[in-house]
Protein backbone atom coordinates (compact mmCIF):
# COMPACT_ATOMS: atom_id res chain seq x y z
CA MET A 1 -0.14 60.44 -8.35
CA ALA A 2 2.48 62.80 -9.80
CA SER A 3 5.23 61.30 -11.91
CA ILE A 4 8.81 61.29 -10.66
CA SER A 5 10.95 63.34 -13.02
CA HIS A 6 14.04 64.28 -10.99
CA PRO A 7 16.86 61.82 -11.93
CA ILE A 8 18.40 61.67 -8.47
CA LEU A 9 14.98 61.11 -6.84
CA THR A 10 14.21 58.43 -9.42
CA LEU A 11 17.51 56.68 -8.64
CA LEU A 12 16.77 56.75 -4.91
CA VAL A 13 13.32 55.24 -5.45
CA ILE A 14 14.82 52.46 -7.58
CA LEU A 15 17.47 51.72 -4.97
CA VAL A 16 14.96 51.69 -2.11
CA LEU A 17 12.46 49.50 -3.92
CA GLY A 18 15.23 47.24 -5.13
CA GLY A 19 16.48 46.87 -1.57
CA VAL A 20 13.00 46.05 -0.32
CA ALA A 21 12.51 43.50 -3.08
CA SER A 22 15.87 41.93 -2.28
CA ALA A 23 14.94 41.73 1.39
CA TRP A 24 11.65 40.04 0.54
CA ALA A 25 13.43 37.61 -1.74
CA ALA A 26 15.98 36.82 0.94
CA GLU A 27 13.17 35.86 3.33
CA GLU A 28 11.67 33.32 0.91
CA PRO A 29 12.59 29.68 1.63
CA LYS A 30 15.12 28.06 -0.69
CA ALA A 31 15.50 24.30 -0.66
CA THR A 32 18.83 22.64 -1.33
CA ALA A 33 19.82 19.06 -1.98
CA ASP A 34 19.87 18.61 1.82
CA PHE A 35 16.14 19.43 2.08
CA TRP A 36 14.12 16.71 3.84
CA ALA A 37 12.11 15.72 0.75
CA PHE A 38 15.25 14.97 -1.25
CA GLN A 39 16.62 12.56 1.34
CA ALA A 40 15.68 8.90 0.93
CA PRO A 41 13.11 7.72 3.49
CA GLU A 42 14.68 5.51 6.12
CA ARG A 43 13.33 2.52 7.98
CA VAL A 44 12.71 4.16 11.34
CA SER A 45 12.18 2.47 14.68
CA LEU A 46 8.80 2.65 16.34
CA PRO A 47 8.53 5.18 19.16
CA SER A 48 8.71 3.84 22.68
CA PRO A 49 5.27 3.14 24.15
CA GLY A 50 3.88 5.44 26.80
CA SER A 51 3.80 4.61 30.47
CA GLU A 52 0.26 3.25 30.35
CA SER A 53 0.27 0.80 27.46
CA GLY A 54 1.97 0.39 24.13
CA ALA A 55 0.15 1.06 20.87
CA ALA A 56 -0.79 -2.19 19.16
CA HIS A 57 -0.50 -0.80 15.63
CA PRO A 58 2.67 0.81 14.19
CA ILE A 59 0.75 3.82 12.85
CA ASP A 60 -0.69 4.45 16.31
CA ALA A 61 2.77 4.27 17.87
CA PHE A 62 3.81 7.35 15.88
CA ILE A 63 0.54 9.22 16.31
CA ASP A 64 0.24 8.54 20.02
CA ALA A 65 3.85 9.58 20.60
CA ALA A 66 3.21 12.93 18.89
CA LEU A 67 0.07 13.43 20.97
CA ARG A 68 1.93 12.61 24.21
CA ASP A 69 4.70 15.06 23.35
CA ARG A 70 2.08 17.80 23.12
CA GLY A 71 0.03 16.73 26.09
CA LEU A 72 -2.98 15.95 23.91
CA PRO A 73 -5.48 13.15 24.58
CA THR A 74 -6.91 10.59 22.16
CA ARG A 75 -10.64 10.28 21.73
CA GLU A 76 -12.64 7.10 22.22
CA VAL A 77 -13.61 4.64 19.53
CA ALA A 78 -16.52 5.77 17.32
CA GLU A 79 -19.93 4.19 17.68
CA GLU A 80 -20.30 1.19 15.42
CA GLU A 81 -22.92 2.84 13.21
CA ALA A 82 -20.72 5.89 12.54
CA TYR A 83 -17.67 3.73 11.94
CA PHE A 84 -19.52 1.41 9.55
CA ARG A 85 -20.79 4.32 7.43
CA ARG A 86 -17.30 5.81 7.39
CA LEU A 87 -15.77 2.55 6.25
CA SER A 88 -18.32 1.94 3.50
CA VAL A 89 -18.27 5.44 2.04
CA LEU A 90 -14.50 5.84 2.10
CA LEU A 91 -13.83 2.45 0.48
CA THR A 92 -16.65 2.34 -2.05
CA GLY A 93 -18.05 5.86 -2.28
CA LEU A 94 -21.44 4.37 -1.38
CA PRO A 95 -23.42 3.99 1.85
CA SER A 96 -23.98 0.56 3.31
CA THR A 97 -27.34 -1.10 2.79
CA VAL A 98 -29.73 -1.80 5.65
CA ALA A 99 -29.01 -5.50 5.17
CA ASP A 100 -25.26 -4.84 5.53
CA GLN A 101 -25.87 -2.80 8.67
CA GLU A 102 -27.89 -5.61 10.24
CA ALA A 103 -25.29 -8.22 9.31
CA PHE A 104 -22.53 -6.09 10.81
CA ALA A 105 -24.47 -5.45 14.02
CA GLN A 106 -25.20 -9.17 14.48
CA ASP A 107 -21.66 -10.31 13.73
CA GLU A 108 -20.05 -11.27 17.04
CA ARG A 109 -16.91 -12.85 15.62
CA PRO A 110 -13.53 -11.28 16.40
CA ASN A 111 -11.95 -8.94 13.85
CA LYS A 112 -15.26 -8.25 12.14
CA ARG A 113 -14.13 -4.72 11.22
CA GLN A 114 -11.12 -6.11 9.36
CA ARG A 115 -13.33 -8.61 7.52
CA TRP A 116 -15.69 -5.88 6.31
CA THR A 117 -12.69 -3.81 5.24
CA ASP A 118 -11.49 -6.73 3.12
CA ARG A 119 -14.98 -7.25 1.71
CA TRP A 120 -15.22 -3.71 0.40
CA LEU A 121 -11.62 -3.63 -0.79
CA ALA A 122 -12.60 -6.59 -2.98
CA SER A 123 -15.74 -4.93 -4.34
CA TYR A 124 -15.91 -3.42 -7.82
CA ALA A 125 -17.11 -0.17 -6.26
CA PHE A 126 -13.65 0.24 -4.68
CA GLY A 127 -12.03 0.90 -8.06
CA GLU A 128 -14.78 3.33 -9.06
CA ARG A 129 -14.35 5.29 -5.85
CA PHE A 130 -10.55 5.56 -6.08
CA ALA A 131 -10.65 6.32 -9.80
CA SER A 132 -12.68 9.40 -8.80
CA PHE A 133 -9.69 10.43 -6.69
CA TRP A 134 -7.04 9.76 -9.37
CA LEU A 135 -8.70 11.15 -12.52
CA PRO A 136 -8.49 14.83 -11.46
CA VAL A 137 -4.84 14.24 -10.54
CA ALA A 138 -4.35 13.10 -14.13
CA ARG A 139 -6.41 16.12 -15.39
CA TYR A 140 -8.76 13.66 -17.14
CA ALA A 141 -11.03 15.24 -19.75
CA GLU A 142 -12.73 14.42 -23.02
CA ASP A 143 -12.21 17.57 -25.07
CA GLN A 144 -10.12 20.73 -25.27
CA ALA A 145 -10.50 24.17 -23.73
CA HIS A 146 -10.86 25.69 -27.21
CA GLN A 147 -12.93 24.57 -30.16
CA VAL A 148 -13.37 26.33 -33.49
CA GLY A 149 -16.91 25.92 -34.76
CA ASN A 150 -17.85 22.27 -35.09
CA ASN A 151 -14.27 21.07 -35.39
CA THR A 152 -14.02 18.10 -33.03
CA SER A 153 -10.76 16.71 -34.39
CA LEU A 154 -8.94 17.43 -31.13
CA THR A 155 -11.56 15.84 -28.85
CA TYR A 156 -11.38 12.50 -27.04
CA PRO A 157 -14.68 10.64 -27.50
CA ASN A 158 -13.08 7.40 -26.26
CA ALA A 159 -11.35 8.90 -23.25
CA TYR A 160 -13.34 6.47 -21.14
CA PHE A 161 -10.88 3.68 -22.07
CA TYR A 162 -8.31 5.35 -19.81
CA ARG A 163 -10.89 5.85 -17.08
CA GLN A 164 -11.80 2.17 -17.24
CA TRP A 165 -8.13 1.23 -17.06
CA VAL A 166 -7.73 3.26 -13.86
CA ILE A 167 -10.79 1.59 -12.30
CA GLU A 168 -9.47 -1.87 -13.17
CA ALA A 169 -5.94 -1.00 -11.99
CA PHE A 170 -7.23 -0.16 -8.51
CA ASN A 171 -9.49 -3.20 -8.41
CA ARG A 172 -6.79 -5.71 -9.39
CA ASP A 173 -4.36 -3.96 -7.05
CA LEU A 174 -1.83 -3.26 -9.78
CA PRO A 175 1.55 -2.72 -8.06
CA TYR A 176 2.25 0.98 -7.84
CA ASP A 177 5.48 0.85 -9.83
CA ASP A 178 3.52 -0.69 -12.73
CA PHE A 179 0.76 1.86 -12.19
CA VAL A 180 3.39 4.51 -12.94
CA ARG A 181 5.24 2.58 -15.67
CA PHE A 182 2.18 1.82 -17.76
CA GLN A 183 0.78 5.35 -17.64
CA LEU A 184 4.07 6.71 -18.94
CA ALA A 185 5.34 3.96 -21.20
CA ALA A 186 3.06 0.91 -21.54
CA ASP A 187 3.87 0.78 -25.26
CA LEU A 188 7.56 0.29 -24.44
CA HIS A 189 7.06 -2.69 -22.09
CA ALA A 190 6.48 -6.20 -23.36
CA GLU A 191 4.19 -6.85 -20.41
CA GLY A 192 2.36 -3.62 -21.20
CA THR A 193 0.81 -4.84 -24.43
CA GLU A 194 -2.60 -5.19 -22.77
CA GLU A 195 -2.11 -1.98 -20.82
CA ARG A 196 -2.10 0.49 -23.70
CA ASP A 197 -5.19 2.30 -22.42
CA ALA A 198 -3.01 3.49 -19.53
CA LEU A 199 -1.25 5.80 -21.99
CA GLY A 200 -4.31 8.04 -21.82
CA PHE A 201 -2.54 9.63 -18.85
CA LEU A 202 -0.38 11.44 -21.42
CA GLY A 203 -2.58 11.01 -24.49
CA LEU A 204 -5.56 12.87 -23.01
CA GLY A 205 -3.52 15.98 -22.30
CA PRO A 206 -4.43 19.37 -23.74
CA LYS A 207 -3.90 19.90 -27.46
CA TYR A 208 -3.76 23.41 -28.82
CA TYR A 209 -4.61 24.76 -32.26
CA ASN A 210 -1.72 25.61 -34.60
CA ARG A 211 0.14 22.65 -33.15
CA GLY A 212 2.86 22.92 -35.78
CA ARG A 213 4.21 26.11 -34.25
CA LEU A 214 7.11 25.71 -31.86
CA GLU A 215 5.64 27.99 -29.19
CA VAL A 216 2.44 25.93 -29.21
CA LYS A 217 4.37 22.69 -28.93
CA ALA A 218 6.31 24.14 -26.01
CA ASP A 219 3.05 24.86 -24.16
CA GLU A 220 1.95 21.25 -24.63
CA TRP A 221 5.32 19.96 -23.39
CA GLU A 222 4.94 22.10 -20.29
CA ASP A 223 1.62 20.41 -19.51
CA ARG A 224 3.25 16.97 -19.70
CA VAL A 225 6.18 17.96 -17.49
CA ASP A 226 3.89 19.62 -14.96
CA THR A 227 1.38 16.76 -14.79
CA VAL A 228 4.01 14.02 -14.51
CA THR A 229 6.18 15.71 -11.91
CA ARG A 230 3.38 17.00 -9.70
CA SER A 231 1.41 13.73 -9.88
CA PHE A 232 4.23 11.27 -9.18
CA LEU A 233 6.97 13.37 -7.58
CA GLY A 234 5.13 16.16 -5.80
CA LEU A 235 7.38 18.78 -7.42
CA THR A 236 6.54 21.89 -9.42
CA VAL A 237 9.20 21.36 -12.08
CA ALA A 238 7.34 23.41 -14.69
CA CYS A 239 8.15 26.50 -12.63
CA ALA A 240 11.64 26.19 -14.12
CA ARG A 241 10.51 26.58 -17.72
CA CYS A 242 11.57 30.23 -18.00
CA HIS A 243 14.27 30.38 -15.31
CA ASP A 244 15.79 28.31 -12.56
CA HIS A 245 13.22 27.36 -9.92
CA LYS A 246 13.07 30.14 -7.37
CA TYR A 247 12.68 27.83 -4.39
CA ASP A 248 13.73 24.27 -5.27
CA PRO A 249 17.04 22.98 -6.69
CA ILE A 250 15.64 22.54 -10.20
CA SER A 251 17.26 24.43 -13.07
CA ALA A 252 15.95 25.54 -16.44
CA GLU A 253 18.27 22.90 -17.89
CA ASP A 254 16.53 20.27 -15.75
CA TYR A 255 13.14 21.36 -17.06
CA HIS A 256 14.20 21.24 -20.71
CA ALA A 257 15.84 17.84 -20.21
CA LEU A 258 12.40 16.49 -19.23
CA ALA A 259 10.56 18.52 -21.86
CA GLY A 260 12.75 16.87 -24.49
CA ILE A 261 11.20 13.50 -23.56
CA PHE A 262 7.75 14.76 -24.47
CA ALA A 263 9.07 16.61 -27.51
CA SER A 264 10.16 13.14 -28.65
CA THR A 265 6.70 11.68 -28.00
CA ASP A 266 3.69 12.01 -30.29
CA MET A 267 0.08 12.14 -29.16
CA TYR A 268 -1.70 9.53 -31.20
CA ASN A 269 -5.17 8.28 -32.04
CA GLU A 270 -4.64 4.53 -32.36
CA VAL A 271 -7.24 2.72 -34.44
CA LEU A 272 -9.23 0.38 -32.22
CA PRO A 273 -9.12 -3.36 -32.86
CA GLY A 274 -11.82 -4.29 -35.34
CA ARG A 275 -12.10 -0.76 -36.73
CA GLN A 276 -10.86 0.03 -40.24
CA GLN A 277 -9.11 3.11 -41.51
CA GLY A 278 -10.67 4.75 -44.52
CA LYS A 279 -8.90 4.47 -47.86
CA LYS A 280 -7.95 8.14 -47.90
CA ASP A 281 -6.49 7.90 -44.41
CA LYS A 282 -4.39 4.92 -45.39
CA GLU A 283 -3.12 6.70 -48.48
CA LYS A 284 -2.25 9.80 -46.48
CA LYS A 285 -0.87 7.69 -43.64
CA LYS A 286 -2.99 9.68 -41.19
CA GLU A 287 -4.57 8.63 -37.93
CA ASN A 288 -9.59 7.33 -39.02
CA ALA A 289 -11.18 9.39 -36.78
CA PRO A 290 -11.22 10.16 -32.91
CA SER A 291 -14.47 8.19 -32.62
CA ASP A 292 -12.71 5.03 -33.87
CA SER A 293 -9.58 5.43 -31.78
CA ARG A 294 -8.07 5.30 -28.35
CA HIS A 295 -6.16 8.39 -27.41
CA ILE A 296 -2.62 7.48 -26.42
CA VAL A 297 1.00 8.35 -27.24
CA LYS A 298 3.77 6.76 -29.27
CA GLU A 299 7.44 7.32 -29.95
CA GLY A 300 8.15 10.35 -32.11
CA LYS A 301 11.22 11.87 -33.71
CA VAL A 302 13.89 11.83 -31.01
CA GLN A 303 15.23 15.25 -30.14
CA ASP A 304 17.01 17.08 -27.38
CA LEU A 305 15.83 20.61 -26.73
CA PRO A 306 17.84 23.76 -26.28
CA VAL A 307 17.07 25.87 -23.25
CA PHE A 308 14.52 28.42 -24.38
CA ILE A 309 15.85 31.50 -22.66
CA ARG A 310 13.18 33.16 -20.51
CA GLY A 311 10.71 30.76 -22.10
CA ASP A 312 11.11 32.37 -25.53
CA VAL A 313 11.39 29.66 -28.20
CA ASN A 314 13.15 32.12 -30.49
CA ARG A 315 16.03 32.57 -28.00
CA LYS A 316 17.81 29.25 -27.96
CA GLY A 317 20.52 28.44 -25.45
CA GLU A 318 22.59 25.31 -25.01
CA VAL A 319 21.05 21.98 -26.01
CA VAL A 320 20.28 19.75 -23.00
CA GLN A 321 20.30 15.97 -23.23
CA ARG A 322 17.20 14.15 -22.03
CA ARG A 323 17.65 12.91 -18.45
CA PHE A 324 16.16 12.80 -14.98
CA LEU A 325 16.38 15.46 -12.27
CA PRO A 326 19.87 15.64 -10.70
CA VAL A 327 18.45 16.39 -7.24
CA LEU A 328 16.67 13.01 -7.29
CA SER A 329 19.57 11.08 -8.82
CA LYS A 330 22.49 9.38 -7.20
CA GLY A 331 25.46 11.14 -8.75
CA GLU A 332 25.09 12.67 -12.18
CA PRO A 333 21.91 11.51 -13.93
CA VAL A 334 22.43 9.24 -16.92
CA SER A 335 21.28 10.58 -20.28
CA PHE A 336 18.15 8.95 -21.67
CA ASP A 337 19.03 7.29 -24.95
CA GLU A 338 16.26 4.70 -25.45
CA GLY A 339 13.90 6.36 -27.90
CA SER A 340 12.04 9.26 -26.34
CA GLY A 341 13.25 8.32 -22.87
CA ARG A 342 9.76 7.71 -21.47
CA LYS A 343 10.62 4.21 -20.32
CA GLN A 344 13.79 5.41 -18.61
CA LEU A 345 11.86 8.28 -17.04
CA ALA A 346 9.33 5.83 -15.60
CA GLU A 347 12.13 3.66 -14.19
CA ALA A 348 13.79 6.70 -12.62
CA ILE A 349 10.50 7.68 -10.99
CA VAL A 350 9.83 4.21 -9.53
CA SER A 351 13.45 3.57 -8.55
CA PRO A 352 13.84 2.58 -4.87
CA ARG A 353 16.51 5.28 -4.71
CA ASN A 354 14.00 7.99 -5.58
CA PRO A 355 13.12 9.71 -2.29
CA LEU A 356 9.77 11.14 -3.38
CA THR A 357 7.64 8.66 -5.32
CA SER A 358 6.51 6.42 -2.49
CA ARG A 359 6.14 9.34 -0.07
CA VAL A 360 3.89 11.23 -2.48
CA MET A 361 1.48 8.35 -3.11
CA VAL A 362 1.42 7.32 0.56
CA ASN A 363 0.46 10.89 1.38
CA ARG A 364 -2.27 10.97 -1.29
CA LEU A 365 -3.83 7.74 -0.03
CA TRP A 366 -3.50 8.85 3.59
CA ARG A 367 -5.41 12.00 2.62
CA GLU A 368 -8.17 9.94 1.03
CA VAL A 369 -8.56 7.86 4.19
CA PHE A 370 -8.10 10.51 6.89
CA GLY A 371 -9.32 13.61 5.05
CA GLN A 372 -6.02 15.48 5.42
CA GLY A 373 -2.49 14.70 4.42
CA LEU A 374 0.56 14.13 6.55
CA VAL A 375 1.83 16.76 4.10
CA ASP A 376 -0.90 19.35 3.51
CA THR A 377 0.41 20.18 0.01
CA PRO A 378 0.14 16.80 -1.74
CA SER A 379 1.57 18.00 -5.06
CA ASN A 380 4.31 20.22 -3.64
CA PHE A 381 6.91 18.60 -1.40
CA GLY A 382 9.33 21.44 -2.17
CA ALA A 383 10.30 24.48 -0.16
CA LEU A 384 6.96 26.23 -0.59
CA GLY A 385 5.07 23.12 0.46
CA GLN A 386 4.17 22.20 4.02
CA ALA A 387 6.50 20.10 6.11
CA PRO A 388 5.04 16.75 7.25
CA THR A 389 3.33 16.74 10.62
CA HIS A 390 4.61 13.19 11.29
CA PRO A 391 7.82 12.79 9.24
CA ASP A 392 8.86 9.48 10.81
CA LEU A 393 5.43 7.99 10.19
CA LEU A 394 5.54 9.15 6.56
CA ASP A 395 8.94 7.54 6.09
CA TYR A 396 7.87 4.33 7.85
CA LEU A 397 4.92 3.94 5.48
CA ALA A 398 6.90 5.04 2.40
CA VAL A 399 9.62 2.43 2.94
CA ALA A 400 7.03 -0.34 3.34
CA PHE A 401 5.04 0.86 0.34
CA ALA A 402 8.14 0.94 -1.85
CA GLU A 403 8.75 -2.71 -0.94
CA HIS A 404 5.26 -4.19 -1.42
CA GLY A 405 3.72 -1.66 -3.81
CA SER A 406 0.16 -2.67 -2.96
CA MET A 407 -2.27 0.23 -2.73
CA LYS A 408 -4.95 -2.00 -1.18
CA ARG A 409 -2.53 -3.24 1.44
CA LEU A 410 -1.59 0.33 2.36
CA ILE A 411 -5.23 1.43 2.59
CA ARG A 412 -6.05 -1.62 4.72
CA GLU A 413 -3.14 -0.80 7.04
CA LEU A 414 -4.36 2.77 7.48
CA MET A 415 -7.89 1.60 8.25
CA GLU A 416 -6.76 -0.99 10.77
CA SER A 417 -5.14 1.68 12.94
CA ALA A 418 -6.85 2.85 16.12
CA ALA A 419 -6.58 6.39 14.73
CA PHE A 420 -9.06 5.53 11.98
CA HIS A 421 -11.53 3.98 14.45
CA ARG A 422 -11.83 7.04 16.70
CA THR A 423 -14.81 9.31 17.00
CA SER A 424 -14.89 12.62 15.15
CA MET A 425 -16.10 14.47 18.26
CA SER A 426 -13.29 16.72 19.42
CA GLY A 427 -14.12 17.17 23.11
CA PRO A 428 -13.03 20.25 25.09
CA VAL A 429 -9.25 19.70 25.07
CA LEU A 430 -8.73 18.82 21.42
CA GLY A 431 -11.35 21.33 20.37
CA GLU A 432 -9.38 24.12 22.04
CA ARG A 433 -5.78 23.02 21.55
CA ASP A 434 -5.92 21.19 18.21
CA PRO A 435 -9.05 22.43 16.41
CA ALA A 436 -7.66 21.52 12.96
CA ASN A 437 -6.85 17.99 14.19
CA ARG A 438 -3.27 18.19 12.93
CA TRP A 439 -2.14 15.65 15.53
CA LEU A 440 -4.94 13.14 14.88
CA GLY A 441 -6.34 12.67 18.35
CA ARG A 442 -9.67 12.09 16.63
CA VAL A 443 -11.00 11.51 13.12
CA SER A 444 -11.63 14.65 11.09
CA ARG A 445 -15.21 15.28 10.08
CA ARG A 446 -15.24 15.66 6.33
CA ARG A 447 -17.47 16.80 3.54
CA LEU A 448 -18.30 14.28 0.85
CA SER A 449 -17.20 14.98 -2.68
CA PHE A 450 -20.06 15.62 -5.08
CA GLU A 451 -19.42 12.19 -6.57
CA MET A 452 -19.85 10.51 -3.18
CA TRP A 453 -22.98 12.51 -2.35
CA ARG A 454 -24.69 11.90 -5.70
CA ASP A 455 -23.80 8.20 -5.73
CA SER A 456 -25.05 7.81 -2.17
CA VAL A 457 -28.40 9.33 -3.11
CA LEU A 458 -28.73 7.00 -6.10
CA GLN A 459 -27.83 4.00 -3.94
CA ALA A 460 -30.32 4.94 -1.22
CA SER A 461 -33.18 5.53 -3.65
CA GLY A 462 -32.57 2.23 -5.41
CA THR A 463 -32.09 3.85 -8.83
CA LEU A 464 -28.32 3.41 -9.20
CA ASP A 465 -27.35 1.99 -12.59
CA PRO A 466 -24.18 -0.13 -12.08
CA ARG A 467 -23.08 0.02 -15.71
CA GLY A 468 -20.05 1.94 -16.93
CA GLY A 469 -18.89 2.44 -20.49
CA LYS A 470 -19.08 5.61 -22.55
CA SER A 471 -19.60 8.85 -20.71
CA LEU A 472 -22.98 10.48 -20.26
CA GLU A 473 -23.68 14.10 -19.39
CA ILE A 474 -24.17 14.43 -15.65
CA GLU A 475 -27.59 16.08 -16.12
CA ASP A 476 -28.83 13.64 -18.73
CA GLU A 477 -32.16 12.34 -17.37
CA ALA A 478 -31.11 8.83 -18.37
CA ASN A 479 -27.84 9.08 -16.45
CA LEU A 480 -28.30 7.15 -13.22
CA ARG A 481 -24.78 5.76 -13.31
CA ARG A 482 -22.07 6.53 -10.79
CA THR A 483 -20.70 10.04 -11.18
CA VAL A 484 -17.26 8.78 -12.19
CA TYR A 485 -18.84 7.89 -15.55
CA ALA A 486 -19.95 11.47 -16.26
CA ARG A 487 -18.48 13.38 -19.18
CA ILE A 488 -15.75 15.82 -18.15
CA SER A 489 -15.25 18.84 -20.41
CA ARG A 490 -12.36 21.27 -20.49
CA LEU A 491 -14.27 23.58 -22.80
CA ASP A 492 -17.40 23.80 -20.67
CA LEU A 493 -17.30 21.92 -17.38
CA ASN A 494 -20.84 21.03 -16.37
CA ASP A 495 -22.38 23.71 -14.15
CA VAL A 496 -23.37 21.27 -11.43
CA LEU A 497 -19.87 19.78 -11.21
CA GLU A 498 -18.40 23.27 -11.15
CA GLN A 499 -20.81 24.41 -8.44
CA PHE A 500 -19.72 21.52 -6.24
CA ASP A 501 -15.98 22.13 -6.63
CA TYR A 502 -15.00 19.56 -9.23
CA PRO A 503 -11.41 20.53 -10.15
CA ASP A 504 -10.53 22.33 -13.38
CA PRO A 505 -9.71 19.49 -15.83
CA ASN A 506 -7.33 21.71 -17.82
CA ILE A 507 -4.62 21.19 -15.23
CA HIS A 508 -3.42 18.72 -12.64
CA ALA A 509 -5.46 18.91 -9.44
CA SER A 510 -3.67 18.41 -6.14
CA GLY A 511 -6.95 18.31 -4.25
CA ARG A 512 -10.31 20.03 -3.98
CA VAL A 513 -11.33 23.40 -2.72
CA GLU A 514 -14.48 23.24 -0.62
CA THR A 515 -17.00 26.05 -0.96
CA THR A 516 -20.45 26.64 0.46
CA THR A 517 -22.60 28.77 -1.83
CA THR A 518 -26.18 29.82 -2.38
CA THR A 519 -26.31 27.99 -5.72
CA GLN A 520 -25.46 24.72 -3.98
CA LYS A 521 -28.42 25.15 -1.64
CA LEU A 522 -30.69 26.02 -4.56
CA PHE A 523 -29.56 22.84 -6.32
CA PHE A 524 -30.54 20.76 -3.30
CA LEU A 525 -33.93 22.45 -3.08
CA ASN A 526 -34.96 22.68 -6.72
CA HIS A 527 -32.93 20.56 -9.12
CA PRO A 528 -34.96 17.89 -10.95
CA PHE A 529 -32.41 15.22 -10.03
CA VAL A 530 -32.91 15.82 -6.31
CA MET A 531 -36.69 15.98 -6.64
CA GLU A 532 -36.82 12.74 -8.63
CA GLN A 533 -34.55 10.94 -6.20
CA ALA A 534 -36.65 12.09 -3.23
CA GLU A 535 -39.74 10.71 -4.97
CA ALA A 536 -38.01 7.37 -5.67
CA LEU A 537 -36.74 7.19 -2.09
CA ALA A 538 -40.23 7.81 -0.69
CA ARG A 539 -41.70 5.07 -2.90
CA ARG A 540 -39.02 2.69 -1.71
CA ALA A 541 -39.69 3.56 1.95
CA SER A 542 -43.41 2.92 1.45
CA ALA A 543 -42.68 -0.47 -0.06
CA ALA A 544 -40.22 -1.37 2.71
CA ALA A 545 -42.49 -0.63 5.68
CA PRO A 546 -46.29 -0.41 6.19
CA GLU A 547 -46.34 2.12 9.04
CA SER A 548 -45.08 5.71 9.18
CA GLU A 549 -42.77 5.12 12.17
CA GLU A 550 -41.12 2.18 10.42
CA ARG A 551 -40.73 4.22 7.25
CA ILE A 552 -38.99 7.01 9.14
CA THR A 553 -36.62 4.50 10.71
CA TRP A 554 -35.93 2.94 7.31
CA LEU A 555 -35.09 6.36 5.82
CA TYR A 556 -32.59 7.15 8.58
CA ARG A 557 -30.97 3.76 8.24
CA GLN A 558 -30.83 3.96 4.47
CA LEU A 559 -29.39 7.49 4.30
CA PHE A 560 -27.33 7.87 7.47
CA GLY A 561 -26.55 4.30 8.43
CA ARG A 562 -28.17 4.69 11.83
CA ALA A 563 -31.51 4.44 13.61
CA PRO A 564 -33.35 7.68 14.51
CA ARG A 565 -32.55 9.09 17.92
CA GLY A 566 -33.87 11.75 20.27
CA GLY A 567 -37.08 13.24 18.95
CA GLU A 568 -36.44 12.42 15.29
CA VAL A 569 -39.22 9.85 15.05
CA SER A 570 -41.79 12.01 16.86
CA ARG A 571 -40.96 15.05 14.74
CA GLY A 572 -41.19 12.93 11.61
CA LEU A 573 -44.57 11.54 12.63
CA ALA A 574 -45.87 15.03 13.37
CA PHE A 575 -44.74 16.16 9.93
CA LEU A 576 -46.41 13.19 8.21
CA GLN A 577 -49.75 13.70 9.94
CA ALA A 578 -50.75 16.16 7.23
CA GLY A 579 -50.80 13.30 4.72
CA GLU A 580 -48.72 10.47 3.33
CA GLU A 581 -47.80 12.61 0.35
CA ARG A 582 -45.49 14.43 2.75
CA LEU A 583 -43.24 11.35 2.90
CA GLU A 584 -41.59 12.59 -0.30
CA ALA A 585 -40.97 15.98 1.31
CA LEU A 586 -39.41 14.28 4.34
CA ALA A 587 -37.16 12.23 2.08
CA HIS A 588 -36.17 15.44 0.27
CA VAL A 589 -35.26 17.17 3.53
CA LEU A 590 -33.12 14.25 4.68
CA ILE A 591 -31.31 14.02 1.31
CA CYS A 592 -30.39 17.72 1.62
CA SER A 593 -29.33 17.54 5.27
CA ASN A 594 -25.81 18.18 6.54
CA GLU A 595 -25.64 14.63 7.84
CA MET A 596 -26.05 13.36 4.29
CA LEU A 597 -23.33 15.71 3.02
CA TYR A 598 -20.78 15.07 5.78
CA LEU A 599 -19.02 12.01 7.13
CA ASP A 600 -18.14 11.56 10.81
């Protein structure tokens, strides 16, 4: 393309392009303080019941009202086998056993579904399953994205202490406000003395080489601001590092006020109880080594930051006092003057006056139960995020959650709704008019995470190792533990985890992208793990039943939570006629099937 050399023509091009750019910018959404997400959730009244019958559950009152307004039907209750598998996998990340299935089928007492919900909420597996959801939100990892030679000084060999804390926090139903407080400032709370492992939320963040340089420090502070605000507030505050946020009422001053909190906080390898620092370390007043430490944070030299103009640390603007976001504060936010300000930040986040905290976590847990959020952008409730499909329902749940703070109670409430009990079959009307199931006339069919799929295979084959502790590589032959206990690397994320869409641990993950690739299919067909599990499953089927037909039935029950139907038994028998050694091949096929990978 020829260059433009005529000055008048050049000026016209600049004016035209500038006008187009201005027009585009004018069309972009811009939130103000009046935006829905910045208004406190209100205790809303339940919708009036329809003409036929009122919804028995508050959640259903809102969902059914939205369906009626759009002339959409609700689907029938799911078959018990499909429901039972759904309940078990979503609460524990594991399939039910054949013994559990038989006990459930024979239970004729009222409210048996609620009793089984409570049983699995009380299981240890519950915490392991929901830790798998939270750890990518917290960008959990055990090393750094860069390593020079064999220098492992910036790695986190004891990162698993934080992971274990998260598992235990879910299992003991730690109130959500404490769940936030301890991850940000357990060291600053008297009651947080035994909660110091929670500080791994901040302490396991990325560290960069040349950490003494201001521009490197600024990059680390950005990670902390981004992770905290997206995880707990559903806001992209780090977008205001170089300039005022283009879409939300968050200024560069607001960003630097929060960054100052983390500039006043030191990442710290705390010597573990019972471990001793070396003499040289004591003399130099340094941290023993990462292998003898837990990776947390502590109070540092308190400082307020200037605004780094356009993100350039060499261009310093006005100094900004540490404080919370004005858009989420009642009146002018109070300056943080207690040490770094982490404790005050945590209190501002969990304050009942904060309009976002309870909404964001309610939406995350709703997404874990129903497969899609009431807000489809769980880490962005700002102008570029999606508006809630059921705003009154979101507010109803957020108000209640802010009062009781129990994550188990909220999950139980979601699972007791009729909406959760429905079939995943869309039918002709919903299939045509609401194919994405935005209005929840049915349950969305969903793909299992890799963690759920792998753990389900281990459970079915009888090889699952229930122990936790230090991380093992996911492809270590000795690793038969739940996938949550696998080592997560920022430098080199395991190929299998990457193939199956495990989020990038360098940054906060709002959710998971689902892909279907050739390499995934090749893994199912050829990977030693799958082959070994198919062999173990076939041996277990042979031990469980003497005849081929019974073995086929056992496999279907063990893997899919249901008895064979249609011609599945006859086709299986025809396949096995060539020899009993083909039982392993049948087990392999069933492990790799779509029914194993998806949940109805």
